[in-house]
Amino acid sequence: MLNQSLILLSAGGLFDFGATLPALALEFILLMVILNLILYTPLLNVINQRNNYIFENLSQSSDLLAQANELSAKYETELKTRRQASQIEIKQAQKDLTTIIATDFALVDKLTNSYVNDITKKILTRNSQLFQIMFDENVDYCGYITKNFITK
C-alpha cells in the first residue's frame, strides 16, 4: 500500500513537470501577446494621445499667457504715458481758461468802469443843468424839466 501511494504521488502529483507546465507557460505568453495587441496597445495609444493633447494645450496656454502678459505690460505703459499727456493737456487747458477768464474779467471791469464813468458824467451834467435852472431866474422850470428830463 505504501508502494502504491508512492506511485500515485510521483505520477501527476503537485510537482509533475510533464507537458502541463510548458503548456501553461505557452498559454500565458499567448494570452499576454493577444491582450497586448487587442487591449493594451490601443489603450496606451489613447493615453499617449491624451497626454500629447494635454501637453500641447498647456504649451499653447503658456504661450498665450506670456503674450497676454506682454500686451498687458505694453498697454499699461501706453496708458501711463497717455494719462501723463492728458494731465499735461488738462493743466494747459486750465491755464488757458484762467487766462481767458482773467481777460474777460478785465474787459468786463473796463466796460463797467466806462459805463459808470459815462453815467456819472451824465448825472453830473444833469445836476449842473438842474443847479443852473434852480438859480437862473429867466428859465421856465416846468417846460424845461418836462422837455429835458421826463422825455429822455
C-alpha atoms as a PDB file:
ATOM      1  CA  MET A   1       0.000   0.000   0.000  1.00  0.00           C
ATOM      2  CA  LEU A   2       2.813   2.277   0.680  1.00  0.00           C
ATOM      3  CA  ASN A   3       4.220   1.414  -2.628  1.00  0.00           C
ATOM      4  CA  GLN A   4       1.033   2.300  -4.348  1.00  0.00           C
ATOM      5  CA  SER A   5       0.770   5.623  -2.599  1.00  0.00           C
ATOM      6  CA  LEU A   6       4.316   6.498  -3.683  1.00  0.00           C
ATOM      7  CA  ILE A   7       3.454   5.738  -7.240  1.00  0.00           C
ATOM      8  CA  LEU A   8       0.351   7.853  -7.072  1.00  0.00           C
ATOM      9  CA  LEU A   9       2.253  10.738  -5.585  1.00  0.00           C
ATOM     10  CA  SER A  10       5.073  10.541  -8.038  1.00  0.00           C
ATOM     11  CA  ALA A  11       2.945  10.362 -11.179  1.00  0.00           C
ATOM     12  CA  GLY A  12       0.829  13.501 -11.799  1.00  0.00           C
ATOM     13  CA  GLY A  13       1.489  14.944  -8.417  1.00  0.00           C
ATOM     14  CA  LEU A  14       1.886  18.507  -7.361  1.00  0.00           C
ATOM     15  CA  PHE A  15       5.355  18.933  -8.792  1.00  0.00           C
ATOM     16  CA  ASP A  16       4.915  16.964 -12.002  1.00  0.00           C
ATOM     17  CA  PHE A  17       6.899  18.658 -14.786  1.00  0.00           C
ATOM     18  CA  GLY A  18       5.299  16.912 -17.677  1.00  0.00           C
ATOM     19  CA  ALA A  19       3.628  18.777 -20.553  1.00  0.00           C
ATOM     20  CA  THR A  20       1.318  20.768 -18.310  1.00  0.00           C
ATOM     21  CA  LEU A  21       3.802  23.368 -17.116  1.00  0.00           C
ATOM     22  CA  PRO A  22       5.132  24.299 -20.567  1.00  0.00           C
ATOM     23  CA  ALA A  23       1.565  24.349 -21.881  1.00  0.00           C
ATOM     24  CA  LEU A  24       0.538  26.762 -19.115  1.00  0.00           C
ATOM     25  CA  ALA A  25       3.571  28.954 -19.817  1.00  0.00           C
ATOM     26  CA  LEU A  26       2.779  28.929 -23.541  1.00  0.00           C
ATOM     27  CA  GLU A  27      -0.882  29.786 -22.846  1.00  0.00           C
ATOM     28  CA  PHE A  28       0.184  32.622 -20.533  1.00  0.00           C
ATOM     29  CA  ILE A  29       2.591  34.076 -23.135  1.00  0.00           C
ATOM     30  CA  LEU A  30      -0.016  33.688 -25.885  1.00  0.00           C
ATOM     31  CA  LEU A  31      -2.622  35.398 -23.679  1.00  0.00           C
ATOM     32  CA  MET A  32      -0.192  38.245 -22.938  1.00  0.00           C
ATOM     33  CA  VAL A  33       0.556  38.736 -26.654  1.00  0.00           C
ATOM     34  CA  ILE A  34      -3.153  38.726 -27.551  1.00  0.00           C
ATOM     35  CA  LEU A  35      -4.058  41.113 -24.706  1.00  0.00           C
ATOM     36  CA  ASN A  36      -1.137  43.339 -25.645  1.00  0.00           C
ATOM     37  CA  LEU A  37      -2.304  43.533 -29.281  1.00  0.00           C
ATOM     38  CA  ILE A  38      -6.013  43.846 -28.615  1.00  0.00           C
ATOM     39  CA  LEU A  39      -6.241  45.797 -25.378  1.00  0.00           C
ATOM     40  CA  TYR A  40      -3.013  47.334 -24.098  1.00  0.00           C
ATOM     41  CA  THR A  41      -1.607  48.823 -27.331  1.00  0.00           C
ATOM     42  CA  PRO A  42      -4.784  50.774 -28.264  1.00  0.00           C
ATOM     43  CA  LEU A  43      -5.237  51.824 -24.665  1.00  0.00           C
ATOM     44  CA  LEU A  44      -1.639  53.042 -24.456  1.00  0.00           C
ATOM     45  CA  ASN A  45      -2.086  54.855 -27.784  1.00  0.00           C
ATOM     46  CA  VAL A  46      -5.165  56.666 -26.453  1.00  0.00           C
ATOM     47  CA  ILE A  47      -3.346  57.538 -23.238  1.00  0.00           C
ATOM     48  CA  ASN A  48      -0.333  58.855 -25.203  1.00  0.00           C
ATOM     49  CA  GLN A  49      -2.593  60.882 -27.493  1.00  0.00           C
ATOM     50  CA  ARG A  50      -4.341  62.334 -24.470  1.00  0.00           C
ATOM     51  CA  ASN A  51      -1.019  63.207 -22.839  1.00  0.00           C
ATOM     52  CA  ASN A  52       0.178  64.842 -26.079  1.00  0.00           C
ATOM     53  CA  TYR A  53      -3.088  66.809 -26.331  1.00  0.00           C
ATOM     54  CA  ILE A  54      -2.758  67.996 -22.735  1.00  0.00           C
ATOM     55  CA  PHE A  55       0.900  68.902 -23.264  1.00  0.00           C
ATOM     56  CA  GLU A  56       0.093  70.855 -26.452  1.00  0.00           C
ATOM     57  CA  ASN A  57      -2.758  72.696 -24.751  1.00  0.00           C
ATOM     58  CA  LEU A  58      -0.566  73.544 -21.779  1.00  0.00           C
ATOM     59  CA  SER A  59       2.200  74.822 -24.032  1.00  0.00           C
ATOM     60  CA  GLN A  60      -0.287  76.872 -26.089  1.00  0.00           C
ATOM     61  CA  SER A  61      -1.878  78.269 -22.958  1.00  0.00           C
ATOM     62  CA  SER A  62       1.512  79.198 -21.518  1.00  0.00           C
ATOM     63  CA  ASP A  63       2.386  80.926 -24.819  1.00  0.00           C
ATOM     64  CA  LEU A  64      -0.930  82.773 -24.793  1.00  0.00           C
ATOM     65  CA  LEU A  65      -0.425  83.740 -21.162  1.00  0.00           C
ATOM     66  CA  ALA A  66       3.023  85.107 -21.980  1.00  0.00           C
ATOM     67  CA  GLN A  67       1.558  87.093 -24.888  1.00  0.00           C
ATOM     68  CA  ALA A  68      -1.233  88.380 -22.658  1.00  0.00           C
ATOM     69  CA  ASN A  69       1.305  89.486 -20.054  1.00  0.00           C
ATOM     70  CA  GLU A  70       3.354  91.270 -22.730  1.00  0.00           C
ATOM     71  CA  LEU A  71       0.267  93.003 -24.094  1.00  0.00           C
ATOM     72  CA  SER A  72      -0.839  93.929 -20.592  1.00  0.00           C
ATOM     73  CA  ALA A  73       2.546  95.462 -19.816  1.00  0.00           C
ATOM     74  CA  LYS A  74       2.545  97.280 -23.162  1.00  0.00           C
ATOM     75  CA  TYR A  75      -0.953  98.659 -22.626  1.00  0.00           C
ATOM     76  CA  GLU A  76      -0.150  99.692 -19.057  1.00  0.00           C
ATOM     77  CA  THR A  77       2.880 101.693 -20.196  1.00  0.00           C
ATOM     78  CA  GLU A  78       0.860 103.215 -23.034  1.00  0.00           C
ATOM     79  CA  LEU A  79      -1.944 104.061 -20.619  1.00  0.00           C
ATOM     80  CA  LYS A  80       0.543 105.647 -18.244  1.00  0.00           C
ATOM     81  CA  THR A  81       2.025 107.836 -20.986  1.00  0.00           C
ATOM     82  CA  ARG A  82      -1.431 108.834 -22.217  1.00  0.00           C
ATOM     83  CA  ARG A  83      -2.517 109.700 -18.680  1.00  0.00           C
ATOM     84  CA  GLN A  84       0.541 111.892 -18.294  1.00  0.00           C
ATOM     85  CA  ALA A  85      -0.165 113.543 -21.654  1.00  0.00           C
ATOM     86  CA  SER A  86      -3.807 114.105 -20.711  1.00  0.00           C
ATOM     87  CA  GLN A  87      -2.761 115.588 -17.355  1.00  0.00           C
ATOM     88  CA  ILE A  88      -0.460 117.985 -19.200  1.00  0.00           C
ATOM     89  CA  GLU A  89      -3.301 118.900 -21.577  1.00  0.00           C
ATOM     90  CA  ILE A  90      -5.671 119.448 -18.652  1.00  0.00           C
ATOM     91  CA  LYS A  91      -3.165 121.716 -16.907  1.00  0.00           C
ATOM     92  CA  GLN A  92      -2.616 123.666 -20.129  1.00  0.00           C
ATOM     93  CA  ALA A  93      -6.371 123.969 -20.652  1.00  0.00           C
ATOM     94  CA  GLN A  94      -6.767 125.205 -17.073  1.00  0.00           C
ATOM     95  CA  LYS A  95      -4.046 127.810 -17.653  1.00  0.00           C
ATOM     96  CA  ASP A  96      -5.703 128.881 -20.909  1.00  0.00           C
ATOM     97  CA  LEU A  97      -9.098 129.055 -19.229  1.00  0.00           C
ATOM     98  CA  THR A  98      -7.661 131.078 -16.353  1.00  0.00           C
ATOM     99  CA  THR A  99      -6.108 133.465 -18.856  1.00  0.00           C
ATOM    100  CA  ILE A 100      -9.354 133.772 -20.807  1.00  0.00           C
ATOM    101  CA  ILE A 101     -11.363 134.354 -17.634  1.00  0.00           C
ATOM    102  CA  ALA A 102      -8.873 136.963 -16.435  1.00  0.00           C
ATOM    103  CA  THR A 103      -9.033 138.815 -19.768  1.00  0.00           C
ATOM    104  CA  ASP A 104     -12.834 138.587 -19.777  1.00  0.00           C
ATOM    105  CA  PHE A 105     -12.995 139.934 -16.216  1.00  0.00           C
ATOM    106  CA  ALA A 106     -10.630 142.719 -17.178  1.00  0.00           C
ATOM    107  CA  LEU A 107     -12.807 143.553 -20.189  1.00  0.00           C
ATOM    108  CA  VAL A 108     -15.986 143.441 -18.086  1.00  0.00           C
ATOM    109  CA  ASP A 109     -14.304 145.601 -15.449  1.00  0.00           C
ATOM    110  CA  LYS A 110     -13.189 148.063 -18.115  1.00  0.00           C
ATOM    111  CA  LEU A 111     -16.676 148.207 -19.663  1.00  0.00           C
ATOM    112  CA  THR A 112     -18.294 148.548 -16.250  1.00  0.00           C
ATOM    113  CA  ASN A 113     -15.951 151.385 -15.334  1.00  0.00           C
ATOM    114  CA  SER A 114     -16.644 153.006 -18.699  1.00  0.00           C
ATOM    115  CA  TYR A 115     -20.411 152.755 -18.184  1.00  0.00           C
ATOM    116  CA  VAL A 116     -20.128 154.023 -14.612  1.00  0.00           C
ATOM    117  CA  ASN A 117     -17.999 156.945 -15.801  1.00  0.00           C
ATOM    118  CA  ASP A 118     -20.477 157.744 -18.602  1.00  0.00           C
ATOM    119  CA  ILE A 119     -23.436 157.579 -16.241  1.00  0.00           C
ATOM    120  CA  THR A 120     -21.554 159.639 -13.662  1.00  0.00           C
ATOM    121  CA  LYS A 121     -20.786 162.268 -16.299  1.00  0.00           C
ATOM    122  CA  LYS A 122     -24.421 162.332 -17.396  1.00  0.00           C
ATOM    123  CA  ILE A 123     -25.572 162.646 -13.782  1.00  0.00           C
ATOM    124  CA  LEU A 124     -23.085 165.425 -13.120  1.00  0.00           C
ATOM    125  CA  THR A 125     -24.117 167.183 -16.319  1.00  0.00           C
ATOM    126  CA  ARG A 126     -27.774 166.963 -15.388  1.00  0.00           C
ATOM    127  CA  ASN A 127     -27.019 168.070 -11.846  1.00  0.00           C
ATOM    128  CA  SER A 128     -25.174 171.076 -13.162  1.00  0.00           C
ATOM    129  CA  GLN A 129     -28.073 171.806 -15.506  1.00  0.00           C
ATOM    130  CA  LEU A 130     -30.515 171.486 -12.615  1.00  0.00           C
ATOM    131  CA  PHE A 131     -28.407 173.777 -10.447  1.00  0.00           C
ATOM    132  CA  GLN A 132     -28.269 176.208 -13.321  1.00  0.00           C
ATOM    133  CA  ILE A 133     -32.051 176.019 -13.712  1.00  0.00           C
ATOM    134  CA  MET A 134     -32.611 176.386  -9.988  1.00  0.00           C
ATOM    135  CA  PHE A 135     -30.520 179.515  -9.696  1.00  0.00           C
ATOM    136  CA  ASP A 136     -31.338 181.081 -13.070  1.00  0.00           C
ATOM    137  CA  GLU A 137     -34.369 183.309 -12.887  1.00  0.00           C
ATOM    138  CA  ASN A 138     -35.243 183.545 -16.588  1.00  0.00           C
ATOM    139  CA  VAL A 139     -35.944 179.830 -17.145  1.00  0.00           C
ATOM    140  CA  ASP A 140     -39.382 178.257 -17.303  1.00  0.00           C
ATOM    141  CA  TYR A 141     -38.946 175.414 -14.835  1.00  0.00           C
ATOM    142  CA  CYS A 142     -41.927 173.279 -15.861  1.00  0.00           C
ATOM    143  CA  GLY A 143     -41.255 173.379 -19.575  1.00  0.00           C
ATOM    144  CA  TYR A 144     -37.512 172.778 -19.188  1.00  0.00           C
ATOM    145  CA  ILE A 145     -37.937 169.848 -16.816  1.00  0.00           C
ATOM    146  CA  THR A 146     -40.651 168.274 -18.978  1.00  0.00           C
ATOM    147  CA  LYS A 147     -38.652 168.799 -22.140  1.00  0.00           C
ATOM    148  CA  ASN A 148     -35.204 167.649 -20.878  1.00  0.00           C
ATOM    149  CA  PHE A 149     -35.760 165.115 -18.083  1.00  0.00           C
ATOM    150  CA  ILE A 150     -39.066 163.382 -18.453  1.00  0.00           C
ATOM    151  CA  THR A 151     -38.876 162.669 -22.192  1.00  0.00           C
ATOM    152  CA  LYS A 152     -35.330 161.337 -22.046  1.00  0.00           C
END
